[in-house]
N, C-alpha and C. Protein backbone atom coordinates (compact mmCIF):
# COMPACT_ATOMS: atom_id res chain seq x y z
N PRO A 1 -10.33 8.30 -10.91
CA PRO A 1 -11.76 8.47 -10.62
C PRO A 1 -12.30 7.26 -9.89
N PRO A 2 -13.39 7.43 -9.12
CA PRO A 2 -13.97 6.31 -8.39
C PRO A 2 -14.33 5.17 -9.32
N GLY A 3 -14.07 3.96 -8.88
CA GLY A 3 -14.40 2.79 -9.68
C GLY A 3 -13.31 2.34 -10.62
N LYS A 4 -12.26 3.15 -10.80
CA LYS A 4 -11.16 2.77 -11.68
C LYS A 4 -10.15 1.94 -10.92
N GLU A 5 -9.82 0.78 -11.45
CA GLU A 5 -8.86 -0.09 -10.79
C GLU A 5 -7.45 0.47 -10.98
N VAL A 6 -6.70 0.54 -9.88
CA VAL A 6 -5.35 1.10 -9.92
C VAL A 6 -4.35 -0.01 -9.59
N THR A 7 -3.47 -0.31 -10.54
CA THR A 7 -2.40 -1.29 -10.36
C THR A 7 -1.13 -0.67 -10.92
N PRO A 8 0.05 -1.27 -10.66
CA PRO A 8 1.27 -0.74 -11.28
C PRO A 8 1.16 -0.66 -12.79
N GLN A 9 0.49 -1.64 -13.40
CA GLN A 9 0.34 -1.65 -14.84
C GLN A 9 -0.49 -0.46 -15.34
N THR A 10 -1.60 -0.18 -14.65
CA THR A 10 -2.44 0.94 -15.09
C THR A 10 -1.75 2.28 -14.85
N ILE A 11 -0.97 2.37 -13.77
CA ILE A 11 -0.24 3.61 -13.49
C ILE A 11 0.75 3.91 -14.61
N PHE A 12 1.54 2.91 -15.00
CA PHE A 12 2.54 3.14 -16.05
C PHE A 12 1.88 3.31 -17.42
N ARG A 13 0.74 2.66 -17.64
CA ARG A 13 0.03 2.87 -18.89
C ARG A 13 -0.44 4.33 -18.99
N ASP A 14 -0.94 4.87 -17.88
CA ASP A 14 -1.38 6.26 -17.88
C ASP A 14 -0.20 7.21 -18.10
N ILE A 15 0.95 6.87 -17.50
CA ILE A 15 2.15 7.69 -17.72
C ILE A 15 2.53 7.67 -19.19
N ALA A 16 2.50 6.47 -19.80
CA ALA A 16 2.84 6.34 -21.22
C ALA A 16 1.87 7.13 -22.09
N GLU A 17 0.58 7.08 -21.76
CA GLU A 17 -0.40 7.84 -22.52
C GLU A 17 -0.10 9.33 -22.45
N GLY A 18 0.27 9.80 -21.25
CA GLY A 18 0.60 11.21 -21.09
C GLY A 18 1.82 11.61 -21.90
N LEU A 19 2.83 10.75 -21.90
CA LEU A 19 4.05 11.04 -22.66
C LEU A 19 3.77 11.06 -24.16
N LEU A 20 3.00 10.07 -24.61
CA LEU A 20 2.68 10.00 -26.04
C LEU A 20 1.85 11.20 -26.49
N SER A 21 0.95 11.65 -25.61
CA SER A 21 0.11 12.80 -25.96
C SER A 21 0.92 14.09 -26.09
N ARG A 22 2.12 14.08 -25.48
CA ARG A 22 2.99 15.26 -25.55
C ARG A 22 4.08 15.10 -26.62
N GLY A 23 3.93 14.08 -27.43
CA GLY A 23 4.87 13.89 -28.54
C GLY A 23 6.09 13.06 -28.22
N ALA A 24 6.16 12.51 -27.02
CA ALA A 24 7.30 11.67 -26.67
C ALA A 24 7.15 10.30 -27.32
N HIS A 25 8.28 9.61 -27.48
CA HIS A 25 8.26 8.27 -28.06
C HIS A 25 8.98 7.31 -27.13
N SER A 26 8.57 6.06 -27.20
CA SER A 26 9.24 5.04 -26.39
C SER A 26 10.68 4.88 -26.86
N PRO A 27 11.62 4.62 -25.93
CA PRO A 27 13.02 4.45 -26.30
C PRO A 27 13.22 3.21 -27.15
N PRO A 28 14.27 3.17 -27.98
CA PRO A 28 14.52 1.98 -28.80
C PRO A 28 14.87 0.79 -27.94
N LYS A 29 14.53 -0.39 -28.41
CA LYS A 29 14.88 -1.61 -27.69
C LYS A 29 16.38 -1.81 -27.75
N ALA A 30 16.91 -2.50 -26.74
CA ALA A 30 18.34 -2.74 -26.68
C ALA A 30 18.82 -3.52 -27.89
N SER A 31 17.95 -4.35 -28.46
CA SER A 31 18.34 -5.19 -29.60
C SER A 31 18.35 -4.43 -30.92
N GLU A 32 17.84 -3.19 -30.94
CA GLU A 32 17.78 -2.42 -32.18
C GLU A 32 19.06 -1.62 -32.38
N SER A 33 19.58 -1.65 -33.58
CA SER A 33 20.78 -0.88 -33.88
C SER A 33 20.40 0.56 -34.17
N LYS A 34 21.40 1.42 -34.18
CA LYS A 34 21.14 2.84 -34.42
C LYS A 34 20.62 3.07 -35.84
N GLN A 35 20.95 2.16 -36.76
CA GLN A 35 20.52 2.33 -38.14
C GLN A 35 19.05 1.96 -38.34
N GLU A 36 18.52 1.15 -37.44
CA GLU A 36 17.15 0.69 -37.57
C GLU A 36 16.16 1.74 -37.07
N GLU A 37 15.00 1.74 -37.69
CA GLU A 37 13.93 2.59 -37.19
C GLU A 37 13.44 2.03 -35.86
N PRO A 38 13.39 2.83 -34.79
CA PRO A 38 12.95 2.31 -33.49
C PRO A 38 11.49 1.87 -33.54
N THR A 39 11.18 0.85 -32.77
CA THR A 39 9.80 0.38 -32.66
C THR A 39 9.02 1.36 -31.80
N ILE A 40 7.95 1.90 -32.35
CA ILE A 40 7.12 2.84 -31.60
C ILE A 40 6.03 2.05 -30.90
N LEU A 41 6.09 2.03 -29.57
CA LEU A 41 5.13 1.27 -28.79
C LEU A 41 3.87 2.09 -28.52
N ASP A 42 2.74 1.39 -28.42
CA ASP A 42 1.53 2.07 -27.97
C ASP A 42 1.57 2.22 -26.46
N ALA A 43 0.59 2.93 -25.90
CA ALA A 43 0.61 3.21 -24.46
C ALA A 43 0.60 1.93 -23.63
N GLU A 44 -0.19 0.94 -24.04
CA GLU A 44 -0.28 -0.31 -23.28
C GLU A 44 1.06 -1.02 -23.25
N SER A 45 1.70 -1.15 -24.42
CA SER A 45 2.98 -1.87 -24.51
C SER A 45 4.09 -1.12 -23.81
N TRP A 46 4.11 0.20 -23.98
CA TRP A 46 5.14 1.01 -23.34
C TRP A 46 4.96 0.99 -21.82
N GLY A 47 3.72 1.03 -21.38
CA GLY A 47 3.45 0.95 -19.95
C GLY A 47 3.93 -0.36 -19.36
N ILE A 48 3.69 -1.46 -20.06
CA ILE A 48 4.15 -2.77 -19.59
C ILE A 48 5.67 -2.80 -19.52
N SER A 49 6.32 -2.22 -20.53
CA SER A 49 7.78 -2.19 -20.55
C SER A 49 8.34 -1.38 -19.38
N MET A 50 7.75 -0.20 -19.11
CA MET A 50 8.21 0.63 -17.99
C MET A 50 7.96 -0.07 -16.67
N CYS A 51 6.83 -0.76 -16.55
CA CYS A 51 6.50 -1.46 -15.32
C CYS A 51 7.52 -2.56 -15.04
N LYS A 52 7.91 -3.30 -16.07
CA LYS A 52 8.90 -4.36 -15.90
C LYS A 52 10.24 -3.79 -15.46
N GLU A 53 10.64 -2.65 -16.04
CA GLU A 53 11.90 -2.01 -15.65
C GLU A 53 11.85 -1.54 -14.20
N PHE A 54 10.70 -0.98 -13.82
CA PHE A 54 10.51 -0.50 -12.44
C PHE A 54 10.61 -1.65 -11.45
N VAL A 55 9.95 -2.76 -11.77
CA VAL A 55 9.99 -3.94 -10.89
C VAL A 55 11.42 -4.46 -10.76
N ALA A 56 12.16 -4.46 -11.86
CA ALA A 56 13.54 -4.92 -11.81
C ALA A 56 14.39 -4.06 -10.88
N ILE A 57 14.17 -2.75 -10.91
CA ILE A 57 14.89 -1.84 -10.01
C ILE A 57 14.52 -2.12 -8.56
N LEU A 58 13.21 -2.30 -8.31
CA LEU A 58 12.76 -2.60 -6.94
C LEU A 58 13.38 -3.90 -6.44
N GLU A 59 13.37 -4.93 -7.27
CA GLU A 59 13.89 -6.23 -6.85
C GLU A 59 15.38 -6.17 -6.55
N ALA A 60 16.09 -5.27 -7.22
CA ALA A 60 17.53 -5.16 -7.01
C ALA A 60 17.88 -4.37 -5.76
N LYS A 61 17.02 -3.43 -5.37
CA LYS A 61 17.38 -2.51 -4.29
C LYS A 61 16.56 -2.65 -3.01
N VAL A 62 15.24 -2.80 -3.16
CA VAL A 62 14.35 -2.67 -2.01
C VAL A 62 14.59 -3.69 -0.90
N PRO A 63 14.72 -5.00 -1.20
CA PRO A 63 14.86 -5.97 -0.10
C PRO A 63 16.03 -5.67 0.84
N ASN A 64 17.12 -5.16 0.30
CA ASN A 64 18.29 -4.88 1.14
C ASN A 64 18.20 -3.52 1.83
N GLU A 65 17.32 -2.65 1.34
CA GLU A 65 17.24 -1.30 1.89
C GLU A 65 15.95 -1.06 2.68
N ALA A 66 15.07 -2.05 2.71
CA ALA A 66 13.77 -1.88 3.37
C ALA A 66 13.94 -1.61 4.86
N LYS A 67 13.30 -0.56 5.34
CA LYS A 67 13.32 -0.23 6.76
C LYS A 67 11.89 0.01 7.22
N GLU A 68 11.61 -0.39 8.43
CA GLU A 68 10.25 -0.21 8.93
C GLU A 68 9.99 1.22 9.33
N MET A 69 8.73 1.61 9.25
CA MET A 69 8.33 2.91 9.76
C MET A 69 8.37 2.87 11.29
N PRO A 70 8.84 3.94 11.93
CA PRO A 70 8.92 3.94 13.39
C PRO A 70 7.61 3.53 14.05
N GLY A 71 7.71 2.59 14.99
CA GLY A 71 6.56 2.13 15.73
C GLY A 71 5.86 0.92 15.14
N ALA A 72 6.25 0.51 13.93
CA ALA A 72 5.51 -0.56 13.25
C ALA A 72 5.61 -1.89 13.97
N SER A 73 6.80 -2.30 14.39
CA SER A 73 6.96 -3.61 15.02
C SER A 73 6.19 -3.72 16.32
N SER A 74 6.27 -2.70 17.17
CA SER A 74 5.57 -2.76 18.45
C SER A 74 4.06 -2.75 18.25
N PHE A 75 3.59 -1.99 17.26
CA PHE A 75 2.16 -1.93 16.95
C PHE A 75 1.67 -3.29 16.46
N LEU A 76 2.38 -3.88 15.51
CA LEU A 76 2.00 -5.19 14.99
C LEU A 76 2.04 -6.27 16.07
N HIS A 77 3.05 -6.18 16.92
CA HIS A 77 3.18 -7.16 17.99
C HIS A 77 1.98 -7.07 18.93
N HIS A 78 1.58 -5.86 19.27
CA HIS A 78 0.43 -5.67 20.16
C HIS A 78 -0.85 -6.20 19.52
N LEU A 79 -1.08 -5.87 18.26
CA LEU A 79 -2.29 -6.32 17.59
C LEU A 79 -2.32 -7.84 17.48
N SER A 80 -1.18 -8.43 17.17
CA SER A 80 -1.10 -9.89 17.07
C SER A 80 -1.38 -10.55 18.41
N ASN A 81 -0.83 -10.00 19.49
CA ASN A 81 -1.04 -10.56 20.83
C ASN A 81 -2.51 -10.53 21.25
N HIS A 82 -3.27 -9.61 20.67
CA HIS A 82 -4.69 -9.48 21.02
C HIS A 82 -5.60 -10.00 19.89
N SER A 83 -5.02 -10.82 19.03
CA SER A 83 -5.79 -11.52 17.97
C SER A 83 -6.53 -10.57 17.04
N VAL A 84 -5.94 -9.39 16.80
CA VAL A 84 -6.49 -8.48 15.80
C VAL A 84 -5.86 -8.86 14.46
N HIS A 85 -6.67 -9.23 13.49
CA HIS A 85 -6.15 -9.72 12.22
C HIS A 85 -5.66 -8.58 11.33
N CYS A 86 -4.45 -8.74 10.83
CA CYS A 86 -3.82 -7.72 9.99
C CYS A 86 -3.42 -8.33 8.65
N TYR A 87 -3.43 -7.49 7.63
CA TYR A 87 -3.06 -7.92 6.28
C TYR A 87 -2.17 -6.86 5.64
N VAL A 88 -1.33 -7.28 4.71
CA VAL A 88 -0.58 -6.35 3.88
C VAL A 88 -1.36 -6.17 2.58
N ASN A 89 -1.57 -4.92 2.18
CA ASN A 89 -2.26 -4.59 0.94
C ASN A 89 -1.41 -3.58 0.18
N THR A 90 -0.78 -4.00 -0.89
CA THR A 90 0.20 -3.15 -1.55
C THR A 90 0.20 -3.35 -3.06
N ALA A 91 0.70 -2.34 -3.76
CA ALA A 91 0.88 -2.45 -5.21
C ALA A 91 2.25 -3.02 -5.56
N THR A 92 3.06 -3.30 -4.54
CA THR A 92 4.37 -3.92 -4.76
C THR A 92 4.15 -5.35 -5.28
N PRO A 93 4.94 -5.78 -6.27
CA PRO A 93 4.78 -7.14 -6.79
C PRO A 93 4.82 -8.20 -5.70
N GLN A 94 4.01 -9.24 -5.86
CA GLN A 94 3.82 -10.24 -4.80
C GLN A 94 5.13 -10.85 -4.32
N GLY A 95 5.97 -11.29 -5.24
CA GLY A 95 7.23 -11.92 -4.83
C GLY A 95 8.11 -10.98 -4.03
N LEU A 96 8.12 -9.72 -4.43
CA LEU A 96 8.96 -8.73 -3.75
C LEU A 96 8.43 -8.40 -2.36
N ILE A 97 7.12 -8.24 -2.21
CA ILE A 97 6.58 -7.91 -0.88
C ILE A 97 6.75 -9.10 0.06
N ASP A 98 6.65 -10.32 -0.45
CA ASP A 98 6.91 -11.49 0.39
C ASP A 98 8.34 -11.46 0.92
N GLU A 99 9.28 -11.09 0.05
CA GLU A 99 10.69 -11.02 0.44
C GLU A 99 10.92 -9.94 1.49
N ILE A 100 10.28 -8.80 1.32
CA ILE A 100 10.43 -7.69 2.27
C ILE A 100 9.88 -8.06 3.64
N VAL A 101 8.68 -8.64 3.66
CA VAL A 101 8.05 -9.02 4.92
C VAL A 101 8.91 -10.05 5.66
N ASN A 102 9.46 -11.00 4.92
CA ASN A 102 10.33 -12.01 5.53
C ASN A 102 11.59 -11.37 6.10
N LYS A 103 12.17 -10.42 5.37
CA LYS A 103 13.39 -9.75 5.83
C LYS A 103 13.14 -8.98 7.13
N LEU A 104 11.97 -8.37 7.25
CA LEU A 104 11.63 -7.60 8.45
C LEU A 104 11.20 -8.50 9.60
N GLY A 105 10.97 -9.79 9.32
CA GLY A 105 10.55 -10.71 10.37
C GLY A 105 9.10 -10.53 10.79
N TRP A 106 8.25 -10.14 9.84
CA TRP A 106 6.86 -9.82 10.17
C TRP A 106 5.86 -10.88 9.73
N ARG A 107 6.29 -11.96 9.16
CA ARG A 107 5.37 -12.93 8.57
C ARG A 107 4.30 -13.37 9.58
N GLN A 108 4.70 -13.56 10.84
CA GLN A 108 3.77 -14.11 11.84
C GLN A 108 2.68 -13.12 12.22
N TYR A 109 2.82 -11.85 11.83
CA TYR A 109 1.84 -10.85 12.22
C TYR A 109 0.64 -10.77 11.27
N PHE A 110 0.74 -11.40 10.10
CA PHE A 110 -0.28 -11.19 9.08
C PHE A 110 -1.03 -12.47 8.73
N GLN A 111 -2.34 -12.30 8.52
CA GLN A 111 -3.17 -13.40 8.05
C GLN A 111 -3.09 -13.55 6.54
N GLY A 112 -2.59 -12.53 5.88
CA GLY A 112 -2.45 -12.58 4.43
C GLY A 112 -1.59 -11.44 3.93
N ILE A 113 -0.88 -11.67 2.85
CA ILE A 113 -0.03 -10.65 2.23
C ILE A 113 -0.43 -10.55 0.77
N PHE A 114 -0.98 -9.41 0.38
CA PHE A 114 -1.52 -9.24 -0.96
C PHE A 114 -0.77 -8.16 -1.72
N GLY A 115 -0.18 -8.54 -2.83
CA GLY A 115 0.55 -7.61 -3.68
C GLY A 115 0.03 -7.63 -5.10
N ALA A 116 0.77 -6.93 -5.99
CA ALA A 116 0.40 -6.90 -7.40
C ALA A 116 0.62 -8.29 -8.02
N PRO A 117 -0.20 -8.65 -9.02
CA PRO A 117 -0.96 -7.74 -9.89
C PRO A 117 -2.37 -7.39 -9.40
N GLY A 118 -2.87 -7.91 -8.32
CA GLY A 118 -4.20 -7.54 -7.86
C GLY A 118 -4.26 -6.08 -7.43
N SER A 119 -5.44 -5.48 -7.47
CA SER A 119 -5.59 -4.09 -7.06
C SER A 119 -5.86 -4.00 -5.56
N LYS A 120 -5.62 -2.83 -4.99
CA LYS A 120 -5.86 -2.64 -3.56
C LYS A 120 -7.35 -2.75 -3.23
N GLU A 121 -8.19 -2.30 -4.15
CA GLU A 121 -9.63 -2.42 -3.94
C GLU A 121 -10.05 -3.88 -3.86
N SER A 122 -9.57 -4.68 -4.81
CA SER A 122 -9.96 -6.10 -4.82
C SER A 122 -9.41 -6.82 -3.60
N HIS A 123 -8.22 -6.43 -3.14
CA HIS A 123 -7.65 -7.04 -1.94
C HIS A 123 -8.51 -6.74 -0.72
N LEU A 124 -8.95 -5.48 -0.59
CA LEU A 124 -9.79 -5.12 0.55
C LEU A 124 -11.10 -5.90 0.54
N LYS A 125 -11.68 -6.06 -0.62
CA LYS A 125 -12.93 -6.83 -0.73
C LYS A 125 -12.69 -8.30 -0.36
N ASN A 126 -11.57 -8.84 -0.80
CA ASN A 126 -11.23 -10.23 -0.46
C ASN A 126 -11.03 -10.41 1.04
N ILE A 127 -10.37 -9.42 1.66
CA ILE A 127 -10.14 -9.48 3.11
C ILE A 127 -11.48 -9.44 3.85
N ALA A 128 -12.36 -8.56 3.40
CA ALA A 128 -13.68 -8.46 4.05
C ALA A 128 -14.44 -9.78 3.96
N ARG A 129 -14.35 -10.43 2.80
CA ARG A 129 -15.02 -11.74 2.64
C ARG A 129 -14.36 -12.80 3.51
N LYS A 130 -13.04 -12.80 3.51
CA LYS A 130 -12.31 -13.81 4.29
C LYS A 130 -12.61 -13.69 5.78
N GLU A 131 -12.74 -12.46 6.27
CA GLU A 131 -12.99 -12.22 7.69
C GLU A 131 -14.49 -12.21 8.02
N ASN A 132 -15.31 -12.41 6.99
CA ASN A 132 -16.76 -12.41 7.19
C ASN A 132 -17.23 -11.11 7.85
N ILE A 133 -16.71 -10.00 7.37
CA ILE A 133 -17.05 -8.68 7.93
C ILE A 133 -18.45 -8.29 7.50
N GLN A 134 -19.28 -7.97 8.45
CA GLN A 134 -20.67 -7.63 8.19
C GLN A 134 -20.86 -6.14 7.92
N ASN A 135 -20.07 -5.31 8.58
CA ASN A 135 -20.19 -3.86 8.42
C ASN A 135 -18.80 -3.30 8.10
N ILE A 136 -18.49 -3.22 6.82
CA ILE A 136 -17.14 -2.83 6.41
C ILE A 136 -16.82 -1.39 6.81
N SER A 137 -17.83 -0.54 6.97
CA SER A 137 -17.60 0.87 7.30
C SER A 137 -17.11 1.08 8.72
N THR A 138 -17.26 0.08 9.58
CA THR A 138 -16.80 0.22 10.97
C THR A 138 -15.85 -0.89 11.40
N GLN A 139 -15.76 -1.96 10.63
CA GLN A 139 -14.98 -3.12 11.07
C GLN A 139 -13.67 -3.33 10.30
N LEU A 140 -13.42 -2.50 9.31
CA LEU A 140 -12.18 -2.64 8.52
C LEU A 140 -11.53 -1.29 8.37
N ILE A 141 -10.23 -1.23 8.65
CA ILE A 141 -9.48 0.03 8.48
C ILE A 141 -8.31 -0.21 7.56
N HIS A 142 -8.11 0.73 6.66
CA HIS A 142 -7.01 0.67 5.69
C HIS A 142 -6.02 1.79 6.03
N VAL A 143 -4.79 1.44 6.31
CA VAL A 143 -3.75 2.42 6.65
C VAL A 143 -2.78 2.52 5.48
N GLY A 144 -2.55 3.73 4.99
CA GLY A 144 -1.65 3.86 3.84
C GLY A 144 -1.09 5.25 3.70
N ASP A 145 -0.06 5.37 2.86
CA ASP A 145 0.63 6.65 2.69
C ASP A 145 0.43 7.27 1.31
N GLY A 146 -0.49 6.71 0.51
CA GLY A 146 -0.71 7.24 -0.83
C GLY A 146 -2.17 7.54 -1.10
N GLU A 147 -2.40 8.43 -2.04
CA GLU A 147 -3.77 8.77 -2.41
C GLU A 147 -4.51 7.55 -2.96
N ASN A 148 -3.80 6.64 -3.61
CA ASN A 148 -4.47 5.43 -4.10
C ASN A 148 -4.95 4.56 -2.94
N ASP A 149 -4.29 4.65 -1.78
CA ASP A 149 -4.76 3.94 -0.58
C ASP A 149 -6.09 4.53 -0.10
N ARG A 150 -6.16 5.85 -0.09
CA ARG A 150 -7.39 6.51 0.35
C ARG A 150 -8.53 6.19 -0.61
N ARG A 151 -8.23 6.23 -1.91
CA ARG A 151 -9.28 5.95 -2.91
C ARG A 151 -9.76 4.50 -2.81
N ALA A 152 -8.85 3.58 -2.52
CA ALA A 152 -9.24 2.18 -2.37
C ALA A 152 -10.19 2.02 -1.19
N ALA A 153 -9.87 2.67 -0.08
CA ALA A 153 -10.75 2.61 1.09
C ALA A 153 -12.11 3.24 0.79
N LEU A 154 -12.09 4.36 0.07
CA LEU A 154 -13.35 5.03 -0.29
C LEU A 154 -14.18 4.12 -1.19
N GLU A 155 -13.53 3.44 -2.12
CA GLU A 155 -14.23 2.58 -3.07
C GLU A 155 -14.97 1.44 -2.37
N VAL A 156 -14.34 0.85 -1.36
CA VAL A 156 -14.98 -0.29 -0.68
C VAL A 156 -15.77 0.15 0.55
N GLY A 157 -15.60 1.41 0.98
CA GLY A 157 -16.40 1.93 2.08
C GLY A 157 -15.85 1.67 3.46
N CYS A 158 -14.54 1.44 3.59
CA CYS A 158 -13.97 1.20 4.92
C CYS A 158 -13.30 2.46 5.46
N ILE A 159 -12.88 2.40 6.72
CA ILE A 159 -12.18 3.50 7.37
C ILE A 159 -10.79 3.65 6.73
N PHE A 160 -10.33 4.90 6.60
CA PHE A 160 -8.98 5.13 6.09
C PHE A 160 -8.19 5.99 7.07
N MET A 161 -6.97 5.55 7.37
CA MET A 161 -6.03 6.35 8.15
C MET A 161 -4.82 6.65 7.27
N GLY A 162 -4.55 7.93 7.06
CA GLY A 162 -3.43 8.33 6.23
C GLY A 162 -2.14 8.46 7.01
N VAL A 163 -1.04 8.13 6.36
CA VAL A 163 0.29 8.27 6.95
C VAL A 163 1.09 9.25 6.10
N ALA A 164 1.54 10.35 6.70
CA ALA A 164 2.33 11.37 6.02
C ALA A 164 3.62 11.57 6.81
N PRO A 165 4.67 10.81 6.50
CA PRO A 165 5.91 10.84 7.29
C PRO A 165 6.51 12.23 7.45
N ASP A 166 6.36 13.09 6.43
CA ASP A 166 6.94 14.43 6.53
C ASP A 166 5.98 15.44 7.15
N GLY A 167 4.80 14.96 7.56
CA GLY A 167 3.84 15.84 8.18
C GLY A 167 2.97 16.61 7.20
N CYS A 168 3.23 16.44 5.91
CA CYS A 168 2.45 17.15 4.88
C CYS A 168 1.50 16.16 4.21
N SER A 169 0.21 16.36 4.40
CA SER A 169 -0.77 15.46 3.83
C SER A 169 -0.76 15.55 2.31
N GLN A 170 -0.77 14.39 1.66
CA GLN A 170 -0.80 14.35 0.20
C GLN A 170 -2.12 13.76 -0.30
N PHE A 171 -3.11 13.77 0.58
CA PHE A 171 -4.38 13.14 0.23
C PHE A 171 -5.36 14.19 -0.29
N ASP A 172 -6.12 13.78 -1.32
CA ASP A 172 -7.06 14.69 -1.96
C ASP A 172 -8.41 14.75 -1.27
N GLY A 173 -8.61 13.91 -0.26
CA GLY A 173 -9.88 13.89 0.44
C GLY A 173 -9.67 13.60 1.92
N PRO A 174 -10.75 13.53 2.67
CA PRO A 174 -10.67 13.35 4.11
C PRO A 174 -10.29 11.92 4.50
N SER A 175 -9.76 11.78 5.70
CA SER A 175 -9.46 10.48 6.27
C SER A 175 -9.88 10.50 7.74
N TYR A 176 -9.98 9.32 8.33
CA TYR A 176 -10.34 9.25 9.75
C TYR A 176 -9.32 10.03 10.58
N ALA A 177 -8.05 9.89 10.20
CA ALA A 177 -6.96 10.64 10.86
C ALA A 177 -5.74 10.56 9.96
N THR A 178 -4.82 11.49 10.14
CA THR A 178 -3.54 11.45 9.43
C THR A 178 -2.43 11.50 10.47
N VAL A 179 -1.50 10.57 10.39
CA VAL A 179 -0.41 10.47 11.36
C VAL A 179 0.92 10.51 10.62
N THR A 180 2.01 10.69 11.38
CA THR A 180 3.33 10.73 10.74
C THR A 180 4.06 9.40 10.79
N ASP A 181 3.64 8.50 11.70
CA ASP A 181 4.27 7.19 11.79
C ASP A 181 3.34 6.23 12.55
N MET A 182 3.81 5.03 12.80
CA MET A 182 2.96 4.04 13.46
C MET A 182 2.82 4.28 14.96
N HIS A 183 3.69 5.08 15.56
CA HIS A 183 3.45 5.50 16.94
C HIS A 183 2.14 6.28 16.99
N GLY A 184 1.96 7.19 16.03
CA GLY A 184 0.74 7.99 15.98
C GLY A 184 -0.48 7.14 15.70
N ALA A 185 -0.35 6.17 14.79
CA ALA A 185 -1.47 5.28 14.48
C ALA A 185 -1.88 4.48 15.71
N ALA A 186 -0.88 3.99 16.45
CA ALA A 186 -1.16 3.21 17.66
C ALA A 186 -1.84 4.06 18.71
N ALA A 187 -1.39 5.29 18.85
CA ALA A 187 -1.97 6.18 19.86
C ALA A 187 -3.45 6.43 19.60
N ILE A 188 -3.82 6.52 18.31
CA ILE A 188 -5.22 6.79 17.96
C ILE A 188 -6.05 5.51 18.01
N LEU A 189 -5.58 4.48 17.35
CA LEU A 189 -6.38 3.25 17.23
C LEU A 189 -6.44 2.46 18.53
N CYS A 190 -5.40 2.57 19.34
CA CYS A 190 -5.38 1.80 20.59
C CYS A 190 -5.41 2.71 21.80
N GLY A 191 -5.92 3.92 21.60
CA GLY A 191 -6.00 4.88 22.70
C GLY A 191 -7.16 4.58 23.62
N ASN A 192 -7.55 5.55 24.37
CA ASN A 192 -8.58 5.34 25.39
C ASN A 192 -9.98 5.57 24.83
N GLY A 193 -10.51 4.50 24.23
CA GLY A 193 -11.91 4.54 23.83
C GLY A 193 -12.23 5.34 22.60
N GLY A 194 -11.27 5.49 21.68
CA GLY A 194 -11.56 6.21 20.45
C GLY A 194 -12.57 5.47 19.59
N GLN A 195 -13.12 6.18 18.61
CA GLN A 195 -14.15 5.60 17.75
C GLN A 195 -13.64 4.35 17.04
N ALA A 196 -12.43 4.45 16.46
CA ALA A 196 -11.90 3.31 15.72
C ALA A 196 -11.65 2.14 16.66
N GLN A 197 -11.15 2.43 17.86
CA GLN A 197 -10.88 1.36 18.82
C GLN A 197 -12.17 0.62 19.18
N ALA A 198 -13.22 1.39 19.41
CA ALA A 198 -14.49 0.77 19.80
C ALA A 198 -15.08 -0.04 18.65
N SER A 199 -15.03 0.54 17.44
CA SER A 199 -15.62 -0.13 16.29
C SER A 199 -14.85 -1.39 15.92
N LEU A 200 -13.53 -1.32 16.00
CA LEU A 200 -12.69 -2.43 15.55
C LEU A 200 -12.33 -3.38 16.68
N ASP A 201 -12.76 -3.07 17.88
CA ASP A 201 -12.48 -3.92 19.04
C ASP A 201 -10.98 -4.10 19.23
N ILE A 202 -10.22 -2.99 19.13
CA ILE A 202 -8.78 -3.02 19.33
C ILE A 202 -8.49 -2.72 20.80
N PRO A 203 -7.77 -3.59 21.51
CA PRO A 203 -7.48 -3.36 22.92
C PRO A 203 -6.59 -2.14 23.12
N PRO A 204 -6.73 -1.46 24.26
CA PRO A 204 -5.85 -0.33 24.55
C PRO A 204 -4.39 -0.74 24.54
N LEU A 205 -3.55 0.17 24.07
CA LEU A 205 -2.11 -0.07 23.99
C LEU A 205 -1.43 0.87 24.96
N SER A 206 -0.62 0.32 25.87
CA SER A 206 0.04 1.17 26.85
C SER A 206 1.03 2.11 26.18
N LYS A 207 1.24 3.25 26.77
CA LYS A 207 2.15 4.24 26.19
C LYS A 207 3.56 3.65 26.04
N ASP A 208 3.99 2.86 27.01
CA ASP A 208 5.33 2.26 26.93
C ASP A 208 5.45 1.37 25.71
N ALA A 209 4.35 0.73 25.33
CA ALA A 209 4.39 -0.19 24.19
C ALA A 209 4.51 0.56 22.87
N TRP A 210 3.68 1.61 22.68
CA TRP A 210 3.70 2.24 21.37
C TRP A 210 4.74 3.35 21.23
N ALA A 211 5.29 3.83 22.33
CA ALA A 211 6.25 4.91 22.25
C ALA A 211 7.69 4.45 22.35
N CYS A 212 7.90 3.16 22.47
CA CYS A 212 9.28 2.68 22.63
C CYS A 212 10.07 2.89 21.35
N PRO A 213 11.34 3.28 21.45
CA PRO A 213 12.16 3.49 20.24
C PRO A 213 12.46 2.16 19.56
N LEU A 214 12.48 2.21 18.22
CA LEU A 214 12.75 0.99 17.44
C LEU A 214 13.95 1.23 16.54
């Protein structure tokens, strides 16, 4: 719902609440023997436990398997060359997103990289303050592939562009546009005089730049 802060911790807490409401129980701790009564965790504790396990899986797999979305490097390079400030806003743990960005060689493209435990809403508000944005509804755009990205943009009042790689929108509400990759985002945001381009002062991007294979 609007106004609710969404973080990995709150997501897993809600999952735990749903499981508990259906009669499920948290699994026994590794230190507990089969003869011992398992410790029954509440939703908060079980959610924290699941979140830690999830982060451990991400840290083991994601940095080595991370691949960019088609068009991302050329788009970021163009925006950086024209002094358009970009930020990473993600629910991925801070240490892990720093590692991913470094692996992709994107550090120079961003003025800031914001991950968990902060929420996407709070990150957007911090970015607006840092950039001294006077009109957030026309001067800040949030690009994301999840409904929580759209809700974060709605909460702070900025433009939202949805990304649906399979072409099927998973968003519960409207967005400025929905694209399948960063080639599509570049075509819209850096096209010939579109609303977002004019509002955000994004320079036109040549077709050769945004359509090149990566």
